[in-house]
Amino acid sequence: MSVDKAFREMIRNEIEAQLKPLRDVVSRLEAGTADLDALRSVAERLAPLAQVVGPLFGAQAPAASKAGRRPVGRPARAAVSAPVAAVGGKRRGRKPAADGGARECAIKGCGKPSRTKGYCAAHYQKLRMLEKTNRRPGAWSDYAEPNSVEDIKLPRGRAASKALAEAAKNA
């Protein structure tokens, strides 16, 4: 026996020894999938019965989707907000528009829908930062009318640190 054959045989034996647990698991999974196929066929045969009996006991029939699974993700927006409106729950932080539609951001030229206190998400974060550093302009009031507030440009870098120090000194 040559060294090459002995080396190949040694590698083959080592690989088989390492793969034996994996082969065992795969064989068990194959046996388990046979059980799953049997359960799936029973469930498919009982599905028409569930659609008939479910409404009698107040249960809803499952949504028809691929392979009988429920849809992934959030439900549609209308489905979420309808129960809140029916209960009469109060929505904090937002005043509804007079026409019932979404309001625009209070900052002139922004055009994004308002989310909180009349501002879009980005401008509301700016408002919070301005309040935190005691630099909130008087025009930036809560629930300002759409497109009624002039945007301000905040200083950056060294100028920003000077402005923050000045605001802290004045406060």
N, C-alpha and C. Protein backbone atom coordinates (compact mmCIF):
# COMPACT_ATOMS: atom_id res chain seq x y z
N MET A 1 0.85 -1.17 0.00
CA MET A 1 0.00 0.00 0.00
C MET A 1 0.89 1.23 0.00
N SER A 2 0.59 2.14 -0.91
CA SER A 2 1.42 3.33 -1.02
C SER A 2 1.01 4.35 0.03
N VAL A 3 1.88 5.32 0.22
CA VAL A 3 1.61 6.37 1.19
C VAL A 3 0.38 7.19 0.76
N ASP A 4 0.25 7.39 -0.54
CA ASP A 4 -0.88 8.16 -1.07
C ASP A 4 -2.20 7.46 -0.73
N LYS A 5 -2.29 6.15 -0.96
CA LYS A 5 -3.52 5.41 -0.67
C LYS A 5 -3.81 5.41 0.83
N ALA A 6 -2.80 5.25 1.63
CA ALA A 6 -2.99 5.24 3.08
C ALA A 6 -3.49 6.61 3.56
N PHE A 7 -2.92 7.66 2.99
CA PHE A 7 -3.34 9.01 3.36
C PHE A 7 -4.79 9.27 2.96
N ARG A 8 -5.16 8.85 1.74
CA ARG A 8 -6.55 9.02 1.28
C ARG A 8 -7.52 8.23 2.16
N GLU A 9 -7.15 7.02 2.51
CA GLU A 9 -8.01 6.18 3.37
C GLU A 9 -8.18 6.82 4.75
N MET A 10 -7.10 7.37 5.31
CA MET A 10 -7.17 8.03 6.61
C MET A 10 -8.10 9.25 6.55
N ILE A 11 -8.02 10.04 5.50
CA ILE A 11 -8.89 11.23 5.34
C ILE A 11 -10.34 10.80 5.17
N ARG A 12 -10.57 9.74 4.34
CA ARG A 12 -11.94 9.27 4.12
C ARG A 12 -12.56 8.80 5.43
N ASN A 13 -11.82 8.06 6.23
CA ASN A 13 -12.33 7.58 7.52
C ASN A 13 -12.63 8.74 8.47
N GLU A 14 -11.78 9.74 8.49
CA GLU A 14 -12.00 10.91 9.36
C GLU A 14 -13.25 11.68 8.93
N ILE A 15 -13.42 11.87 7.62
CA ILE A 15 -14.61 12.61 7.12
C ILE A 15 -15.88 11.84 7.45
N GLU A 16 -15.86 10.51 7.27
CA GLU A 16 -17.05 9.71 7.59
C GLU A 16 -17.37 9.76 9.08
N ALA A 17 -16.35 9.77 9.91
CA ALA A 17 -16.58 9.85 11.35
C ALA A 17 -17.17 11.20 11.74
N GLN A 18 -16.71 12.27 11.08
CA GLN A 18 -17.24 13.60 11.37
C GLN A 18 -18.66 13.77 10.85
N LEU A 19 -18.99 13.14 9.72
CA LEU A 19 -20.32 13.31 9.10
C LEU A 19 -21.37 12.35 9.65
N LYS A 20 -20.99 11.36 10.43
CA LYS A 20 -21.95 10.38 10.95
C LYS A 20 -23.07 11.03 11.77
N PRO A 21 -22.78 11.95 12.71
CA PRO A 21 -23.90 12.59 13.44
C PRO A 21 -24.83 13.37 12.52
N LEU A 22 -24.26 14.01 11.50
CA LEU A 22 -25.08 14.76 10.56
C LEU A 22 -25.98 13.82 9.76
N ARG A 23 -25.46 12.71 9.34
CA ARG A 23 -26.27 11.73 8.60
C ARG A 23 -27.39 11.19 9.47
N ASP A 24 -27.12 10.97 10.75
CA ASP A 24 -28.16 10.48 11.66
C ASP A 24 -29.29 11.50 11.79
N VAL A 25 -28.92 12.76 11.94
CA VAL A 25 -29.94 13.82 12.08
C VAL A 25 -30.77 13.92 10.81
N VAL A 26 -30.12 13.85 9.65
CA VAL A 26 -30.85 13.93 8.38
C VAL A 26 -31.81 12.78 8.24
N SER A 27 -31.41 11.58 8.63
CA SER A 27 -32.32 10.43 8.53
C SER A 27 -33.51 10.60 9.48
N ARG A 28 -33.26 11.15 10.68
CA ARG A 28 -34.38 11.41 11.60
C ARG A 28 -35.32 12.48 11.05
N LEU A 29 -34.75 13.52 10.41
CA LEU A 29 -35.59 14.56 9.81
C LEU A 29 -36.44 13.99 8.67
N GLU A 30 -35.84 13.12 7.87
CA GLU A 30 -36.61 12.51 6.78
C GLU A 30 -37.76 11.69 7.33
N ALA A 31 -37.54 10.98 8.43
CA ALA A 31 -38.62 10.21 9.05
C ALA A 31 -39.68 11.15 9.62
N GLY A 32 -39.27 12.31 10.17
CA GLY A 32 -40.21 13.27 10.73
C GLY A 32 -41.04 13.97 9.68
N THR A 33 -40.47 14.21 8.50
CA THR A 33 -41.24 14.87 7.45
C THR A 33 -42.36 13.99 6.94
N ALA A 34 -42.20 12.69 7.03
CA ALA A 34 -43.30 11.80 6.65
C ALA A 34 -44.48 12.03 7.59
N ASP A 35 -44.20 12.22 8.89
CA ASP A 35 -45.26 12.51 9.85
C ASP A 35 -45.90 13.87 9.55
N LEU A 36 -45.08 14.85 9.19
CA LEU A 36 -45.61 16.17 8.86
C LEU A 36 -46.50 16.12 7.63
N ASP A 37 -46.12 15.33 6.63
CA ASP A 37 -46.96 15.21 5.44
C ASP A 37 -48.31 14.61 5.80
N ALA A 38 -48.33 13.63 6.69
CA ALA A 38 -49.59 13.02 7.12
C ALA A 38 -50.46 14.05 7.85
N LEU A 39 -49.84 14.86 8.74
CA LEU A 39 -50.60 15.89 9.45
C LEU A 39 -51.13 16.95 8.49
N ARG A 40 -50.33 17.31 7.50
CA ARG A 40 -50.77 18.31 6.53
C ARG A 40 -51.97 17.81 5.74
N SER A 41 -51.96 16.55 5.35
CA SER A 41 -53.09 16.01 4.59
C SER A 41 -54.35 15.97 5.46
N VAL A 42 -54.22 15.64 6.75
CA VAL A 42 -55.38 15.65 7.65
C VAL A 42 -55.91 17.08 7.80
N ALA A 43 -55.01 18.04 7.97
CA ALA A 43 -55.44 19.44 8.12
C ALA A 43 -56.15 19.94 6.86
N GLU A 44 -55.65 19.54 5.70
CA GLU A 44 -56.30 19.96 4.46
C GLU A 44 -57.68 19.35 4.32
N ARG A 45 -57.84 18.10 4.80
CA ARG A 45 -59.16 17.48 4.75
C ARG A 45 -60.13 18.12 5.74
N LEU A 46 -59.61 18.64 6.88
CA LEU A 46 -60.47 19.25 7.89
C LEU A 46 -60.72 20.74 7.65
N ALA A 47 -60.01 21.37 6.72
CA ALA A 47 -60.15 22.81 6.48
C ALA A 47 -61.58 23.21 6.13
N PRO A 48 -62.30 22.50 5.25
CA PRO A 48 -63.69 22.90 4.97
C PRO A 48 -64.58 22.85 6.21
N LEU A 49 -64.32 21.88 7.08
CA LEU A 49 -65.10 21.76 8.31
C LEU A 49 -64.84 22.96 9.23
N ALA A 50 -63.60 23.42 9.30
CA ALA A 50 -63.26 24.56 10.14
C ALA A 50 -63.93 25.83 9.63
N GLN A 51 -64.09 25.97 8.33
CA GLN A 51 -64.76 27.15 7.78
C GLN A 51 -66.24 27.15 8.10
N VAL A 52 -66.83 25.97 8.24
CA VAL A 52 -68.25 25.88 8.56
C VAL A 52 -68.48 26.05 10.05
N VAL A 53 -67.67 25.40 10.89
CA VAL A 53 -67.86 25.40 12.33
C VAL A 53 -67.33 26.67 12.97
N GLY A 54 -66.27 27.24 12.44
CA GLY A 54 -65.63 28.42 13.04
C GLY A 54 -66.57 29.57 13.29
N PRO A 55 -67.35 30.03 12.30
CA PRO A 55 -68.26 31.15 12.55
C PRO A 55 -69.34 30.85 13.58
N LEU A 56 -69.69 29.59 13.75
CA LEU A 56 -70.70 29.25 14.75
C LEU A 56 -70.22 29.54 16.17
N PHE A 57 -68.92 29.38 16.40
CA PHE A 57 -68.36 29.58 17.73
C PHE A 57 -67.62 30.90 17.86
N GLY A 58 -67.78 31.80 16.89
CA GLY A 58 -67.17 33.12 16.99
C GLY A 58 -65.74 33.19 16.49
N ALA A 59 -65.20 32.10 15.97
CA ALA A 59 -63.83 32.13 15.44
C ALA A 59 -63.88 32.50 13.98
N GLN A 60 -62.88 33.20 13.54
CA GLN A 60 -62.81 33.59 12.14
C GLN A 60 -62.10 32.49 11.36
N ALA A 61 -62.49 32.36 10.10
CA ALA A 61 -61.80 31.41 9.24
C ALA A 61 -60.44 31.98 8.90
N PRO A 62 -59.44 31.13 8.78
CA PRO A 62 -58.11 31.64 8.47
C PRO A 62 -58.08 32.29 7.10
N ALA A 63 -57.24 33.31 6.97
CA ALA A 63 -57.13 34.01 5.70
C ALA A 63 -56.56 33.07 4.66
N ALA A 64 -57.12 33.11 3.46
CA ALA A 64 -56.63 32.25 2.40
C ALA A 64 -55.31 32.81 1.91
N SER A 65 -54.27 32.10 2.13
CA SER A 65 -52.96 32.54 1.67
C SER A 65 -52.16 31.33 1.25
N LYS A 66 -50.96 31.56 0.87
CA LYS A 66 -50.09 30.51 0.35
C LYS A 66 -49.86 29.44 1.43
N ALA A 67 -50.18 28.21 1.09
CA ALA A 67 -49.96 27.04 1.95
C ALA A 67 -50.67 27.15 3.29
N GLY A 68 -51.74 27.94 3.40
CA GLY A 68 -52.52 28.01 4.62
C GLY A 68 -51.87 28.79 5.74
N ARG A 69 -50.82 29.53 5.46
CA ARG A 69 -50.14 30.31 6.50
C ARG A 69 -50.76 31.69 6.59
N ARG A 70 -50.64 32.29 7.77
CA ARG A 70 -51.16 33.64 7.92
C ARG A 70 -50.20 34.62 7.27
N PRO A 71 -50.70 35.76 6.78
CA PRO A 71 -49.84 36.73 6.12
C PRO A 71 -48.81 37.31 7.09
N VAL A 72 -47.66 37.62 6.56
CA VAL A 72 -46.56 38.15 7.35
C VAL A 72 -46.67 39.66 7.41
N GLY A 73 -46.31 40.28 8.55
CA GLY A 73 -46.28 41.73 8.65
C GLY A 73 -47.47 42.31 9.36
N ARG A 74 -47.50 43.62 9.40
CA ARG A 74 -48.58 44.33 10.07
C ARG A 74 -49.87 44.25 9.27
N PRO A 75 -51.01 44.31 9.93
CA PRO A 75 -52.27 44.39 9.19
C PRO A 75 -52.39 45.75 8.52
N ALA A 76 -53.31 45.86 7.61
CA ALA A 76 -53.50 47.12 6.88
C ALA A 76 -53.84 48.24 7.85
N ARG A 77 -53.47 49.47 7.49
CA ARG A 77 -53.66 50.62 8.36
C ARG A 77 -55.12 50.83 8.72
N ALA A 78 -56.02 50.65 7.78
CA ALA A 78 -57.45 50.85 8.06
C ALA A 78 -57.94 49.85 9.11
N ALA A 79 -57.43 48.63 9.05
CA ALA A 79 -57.85 47.62 10.01
C ALA A 79 -57.38 47.95 11.42
N VAL A 80 -56.24 48.62 11.53
CA VAL A 80 -55.71 48.97 12.85
C VAL A 80 -56.43 50.16 13.43
N SER A 81 -56.66 51.20 12.62
CA SER A 81 -57.23 52.43 13.16
C SER A 81 -58.74 52.37 13.35
N ALA A 82 -59.43 51.44 12.69
CA ALA A 82 -60.88 51.38 12.82
C ALA A 82 -61.33 51.08 14.25
N PRO A 83 -60.75 50.09 14.94
CA PRO A 83 -61.22 49.83 16.30
C PRO A 83 -60.97 51.00 17.25
N VAL A 84 -59.89 51.73 17.06
CA VAL A 84 -59.61 52.87 17.93
C VAL A 84 -60.68 53.94 17.74
N ALA A 85 -61.07 54.19 16.49
CA ALA A 85 -62.09 55.20 16.23
C ALA A 85 -63.45 54.74 16.78
N ALA A 86 -63.74 53.44 16.69
CA ALA A 86 -65.02 52.95 17.17
C ALA A 86 -65.12 53.08 18.69
N VAL A 87 -64.02 52.87 19.38
CA VAL A 87 -64.01 52.96 20.83
C VAL A 87 -64.02 54.42 21.26
N GLY A 88 -63.51 55.29 20.41
CA GLY A 88 -63.47 56.71 20.76
C GLY A 88 -62.20 57.06 21.50
N GLY A 89 -61.14 56.27 21.29
CA GLY A 89 -59.88 56.52 21.97
C GLY A 89 -59.26 57.84 21.52
N LYS A 90 -58.59 58.50 22.44
CA LYS A 90 -57.97 59.78 22.14
C LYS A 90 -56.58 59.54 21.58
N ARG A 91 -56.26 60.24 20.53
CA ARG A 91 -54.93 60.15 19.95
C ARG A 91 -54.14 61.33 20.46
N ARG A 92 -53.07 61.05 21.13
CA ARG A 92 -52.27 62.12 21.73
C ARG A 92 -51.35 62.75 20.71
N GLY A 93 -51.10 64.05 20.89
CA GLY A 93 -50.07 64.73 20.12
C GLY A 93 -50.48 65.22 18.76
N ARG A 94 -51.70 65.01 18.33
CA ARG A 94 -52.07 65.44 17.00
C ARG A 94 -53.47 66.02 17.01
N LYS A 95 -53.60 67.18 16.40
CA LYS A 95 -54.94 67.74 16.20
C LYS A 95 -55.35 67.41 14.77
N PRO A 96 -56.53 66.87 14.56
CA PRO A 96 -56.92 66.51 13.20
C PRO A 96 -57.16 67.74 12.35
N ALA A 97 -56.95 67.57 11.06
CA ALA A 97 -57.19 68.67 10.13
C ALA A 97 -58.69 68.93 10.02
N ALA A 98 -59.05 70.12 9.62
CA ALA A 98 -60.46 70.48 9.54
C ALA A 98 -61.20 69.64 8.51
N ASP A 99 -60.52 69.30 7.40
CA ASP A 99 -61.17 68.51 6.36
C ASP A 99 -61.09 67.01 6.60
N GLY A 100 -60.47 66.59 7.71
CA GLY A 100 -60.37 65.18 8.05
C GLY A 100 -59.14 64.51 7.47
N GLY A 101 -58.41 65.16 6.57
CA GLY A 101 -57.22 64.58 5.97
C GLY A 101 -56.00 64.84 6.83
N ALA A 102 -54.87 64.39 6.37
CA ALA A 102 -53.62 64.59 7.11
C ALA A 102 -53.14 66.03 6.92
N ARG A 103 -52.67 66.63 8.00
CA ARG A 103 -52.13 67.98 7.94
C ARG A 103 -50.69 67.93 7.46
N GLU A 104 -50.24 69.04 6.88
CA GLU A 104 -48.85 69.14 6.51
C GLU A 104 -48.06 69.68 7.68
N CYS A 105 -46.75 69.54 7.59
CA CYS A 105 -45.84 70.03 8.62
C CYS A 105 -45.98 71.55 8.74
N ALA A 106 -45.76 72.07 9.93
CA ALA A 106 -45.90 73.50 10.18
C ALA A 106 -44.78 74.32 9.54
N ILE A 107 -43.67 73.69 9.18
CA ILE A 107 -42.55 74.40 8.59
C ILE A 107 -42.85 74.70 7.13
N LYS A 108 -42.60 75.95 6.73
CA LYS A 108 -42.86 76.37 5.35
C LYS A 108 -42.00 75.57 4.38
N GLY A 109 -42.66 75.04 3.34
CA GLY A 109 -41.97 74.33 2.28
C GLY A 109 -41.61 72.89 2.60
N CYS A 110 -41.94 72.40 3.77
CA CYS A 110 -41.57 71.02 4.11
C CYS A 110 -42.43 70.04 3.33
N GLY A 111 -43.75 70.16 3.42
CA GLY A 111 -44.66 69.33 2.66
C GLY A 111 -44.90 67.94 3.19
N LYS A 112 -44.16 67.51 4.19
CA LYS A 112 -44.39 66.18 4.76
C LYS A 112 -45.59 66.22 5.69
N PRO A 113 -46.27 65.08 5.90
CA PRO A 113 -47.41 65.09 6.81
C PRO A 113 -46.96 65.27 8.26
N SER A 114 -47.77 65.97 9.03
CA SER A 114 -47.41 66.20 10.43
C SER A 114 -47.63 64.93 11.22
N ARG A 115 -46.79 64.73 12.23
CA ARG A 115 -46.89 63.54 13.07
C ARG A 115 -47.20 63.91 14.50
N THR A 116 -46.47 64.88 15.05
CA THR A 116 -46.64 65.24 16.45
C THR A 116 -46.58 66.75 16.59
N LYS A 117 -47.56 67.30 17.31
CA LYS A 117 -47.62 68.73 17.60
C LYS A 117 -47.56 69.59 16.34
N GLY A 118 -48.03 69.08 15.22
CA GLY A 118 -48.08 69.85 13.98
C GLY A 118 -46.81 69.80 13.15
N TYR A 119 -45.81 69.02 13.56
CA TYR A 119 -44.55 68.95 12.84
C TYR A 119 -44.32 67.54 12.31
N CYS A 120 -43.58 67.44 11.21
CA CYS A 120 -43.19 66.12 10.70
C CYS A 120 -42.17 65.52 11.67
N ALA A 121 -41.79 64.28 11.44
CA ALA A 121 -40.89 63.59 12.37
C ALA A 121 -39.55 64.32 12.50
N ALA A 122 -38.99 64.76 11.37
CA ALA A 122 -37.67 65.41 11.42
C ALA A 122 -37.74 66.75 12.14
N HIS A 123 -38.75 67.55 11.84
CA HIS A 123 -38.84 68.86 12.48
C HIS A 123 -39.26 68.75 13.95
N TYR A 124 -39.99 67.69 14.29
CA TYR A 124 -40.33 67.50 15.70
C TYR A 124 -39.07 67.17 16.50
N GLN A 125 -38.17 66.38 15.92
CA GLN A 125 -36.90 66.10 16.60
C GLN A 125 -36.09 67.38 16.77
N LYS A 126 -36.13 68.24 15.76
CA LYS A 126 -35.44 69.52 15.85
C LYS A 126 -36.06 70.38 16.95
N LEU A 127 -37.39 70.37 17.04
CA LEU A 127 -38.10 71.11 18.08
C LEU A 127 -37.69 70.61 19.47
N ARG A 128 -37.62 69.30 19.65
CA ARG A 128 -37.21 68.74 20.93
C ARG A 128 -35.80 69.16 21.31
N MET A 129 -34.91 69.15 20.33
CA MET A 129 -33.53 69.54 20.59
C MET A 129 -33.46 71.03 20.95
N LEU A 130 -34.26 71.84 20.26
CA LEU A 130 -34.29 73.27 20.58
C LEU A 130 -34.83 73.52 21.98
N GLU A 131 -35.85 72.77 22.38
CA GLU A 131 -36.38 72.91 23.74
C GLU A 131 -35.35 72.47 24.78
N LYS A 132 -34.67 71.39 24.48
CA LYS A 132 -33.69 70.85 25.42
C LYS A 132 -32.54 71.83 25.66
N THR A 133 -32.17 72.57 24.63
CA THR A 133 -31.05 73.51 24.74
C THR A 133 -31.52 74.95 24.98
N ASN A 134 -32.80 75.13 25.29
CA ASN A 134 -33.38 76.46 25.57
C ASN A 134 -33.17 77.44 24.42
N ARG A 135 -33.32 76.96 23.18
CA ARG A 135 -33.17 77.83 22.02
C ARG A 135 -34.41 77.82 21.15
N ARG A 136 -35.55 77.44 21.70
CA ARG A 136 -36.77 77.33 20.90
C ARG A 136 -37.27 78.72 20.54
N PRO A 137 -37.41 79.01 19.23
CA PRO A 137 -37.95 80.31 18.81
C PRO A 137 -39.44 80.42 19.17
N GLY A 138 -39.91 81.62 19.32
CA GLY A 138 -41.31 81.85 19.68
C GLY A 138 -42.28 81.39 18.60
N ALA A 139 -41.87 81.45 17.33
CA ALA A 139 -42.75 81.03 16.24
C ALA A 139 -42.97 79.52 16.23
N TRP A 140 -42.08 78.77 16.82
CA TRP A 140 -42.20 77.31 16.84
C TRP A 140 -43.14 76.89 17.97
N SER A 141 -44.40 77.18 17.83
CA SER A 141 -45.37 76.84 18.87
C SER A 141 -45.96 75.46 18.58
N ASP A 142 -46.52 74.86 19.62
CA ASP A 142 -47.17 73.56 19.45
C ASP A 142 -48.44 73.75 18.62
N TYR A 143 -48.70 72.80 17.75
CA TYR A 143 -49.89 72.78 16.90
C TYR A 143 -50.00 74.03 16.03
N ALA A 144 -48.87 74.48 15.47
CA ALA A 144 -48.89 75.62 14.57
C ALA A 144 -49.60 75.21 13.28
N GLU A 145 -50.14 76.19 12.59
CA GLU A 145 -50.85 75.93 11.33
C GLU A 145 -49.87 75.38 10.29
N PRO A 146 -50.35 74.58 9.35
CA PRO A 146 -49.46 74.06 8.31
C PRO A 146 -48.81 75.17 7.51
N ASN A 147 -47.54 75.01 7.19
CA ASN A 147 -46.76 75.96 6.40
C ASN A 147 -46.79 77.37 6.96
N SER A 148 -46.72 77.51 8.28
CA SER A 148 -46.79 78.84 8.87
C SER A 148 -45.53 79.24 9.62
N VAL A 149 -44.59 78.33 9.82
CA VAL A 149 -43.41 78.61 10.63
C VAL A 149 -42.17 78.60 9.73
N GLU A 150 -41.34 79.62 9.91
CA GLU A 150 -40.10 79.70 9.14
C GLU A 150 -39.07 78.74 9.76
N ASP A 151 -38.41 77.96 8.93
CA ASP A 151 -37.39 77.03 9.42
C ASP A 151 -36.14 77.81 9.81
N ILE A 152 -35.41 77.29 10.77
CA ILE A 152 -34.17 77.95 11.17
C ILE A 152 -33.02 77.00 10.86
N LYS A 153 -31.88 77.59 10.55
CA LYS A 153 -30.69 76.80 10.27
C LYS A 153 -29.83 76.85 11.52
N LEU A 154 -29.54 75.69 12.07
CA LEU A 154 -28.76 75.61 13.29
C LEU A 154 -27.27 75.61 12.97
N PRO A 155 -26.49 76.27 13.82
CA PRO A 155 -25.05 76.26 13.60
C PRO A 155 -24.46 74.88 13.83
N ARG A 156 -23.34 74.62 13.20
CA ARG A 156 -22.66 73.33 13.33
C ARG A 156 -21.25 73.55 13.85
N GLY A 157 -20.66 72.51 14.40
CA GLY A 157 -19.27 72.55 14.81
C GLY A 157 -19.00 73.52 15.94
N ARG A 158 -17.94 74.33 15.78
CA ARG A 158 -17.51 75.26 16.83
C ARG A 158 -18.58 76.31 17.10
N ALA A 159 -19.27 76.77 16.04
CA ALA A 159 -20.33 77.76 16.22
C ALA A 159 -21.47 77.19 17.06
N ALA A 160 -21.75 75.90 16.89
CA ALA A 160 -22.82 75.26 17.65
C ALA A 160 -22.46 75.18 19.13
N SER A 161 -21.21 74.84 19.42
CA SER A 161 -20.81 74.75 20.83
C SER A 161 -20.85 76.13 21.48
N LYS A 162 -20.49 77.17 20.74
CA LYS A 162 -20.58 78.54 21.28
C LYS A 162 -22.03 78.92 21.54
N ALA A 163 -22.94 78.56 20.60
CA ALA A 163 -24.36 78.87 20.77
C ALA A 163 -24.93 78.14 21.98
N LEU A 164 -24.53 76.89 22.17
CA LEU A 164 -25.02 76.13 23.33
C LEU A 164 -24.50 76.73 24.63
N ALA A 165 -23.24 77.16 24.63
CA ALA A 165 -22.68 77.78 25.84
C ALA A 165 -23.40 79.09 26.15
N GLU A 166 -23.71 79.85 25.11
CA GLU A 166 -24.45 81.11 25.29
C GLU A 166 -25.84 80.85 25.83
N ALA A 167 -26.53 79.83 25.31
CA ALA A 167 -27.88 79.51 25.78
C ALA A 167 -27.84 79.05 27.23
N ALA A 168 -26.82 78.28 27.59
CA ALA A 168 -26.70 77.82 28.97
C ALA A 168 -26.42 78.97 29.91
N LYS A 169 -25.63 79.95 29.44
CA LYS A 169 -25.32 81.11 30.26
C LYS A 169 -26.56 81.98 30.49
N ASN A 170 -27.40 82.11 29.45
CA ASN A 170 -28.61 82.93 29.54
C ASN A 170 -29.74 82.25 30.33
N ALA A 171 -29.67 80.93 30.45
CA ALA A 171 -30.75 80.22 31.12
C ALA A 171 -30.66 80.28 32.63
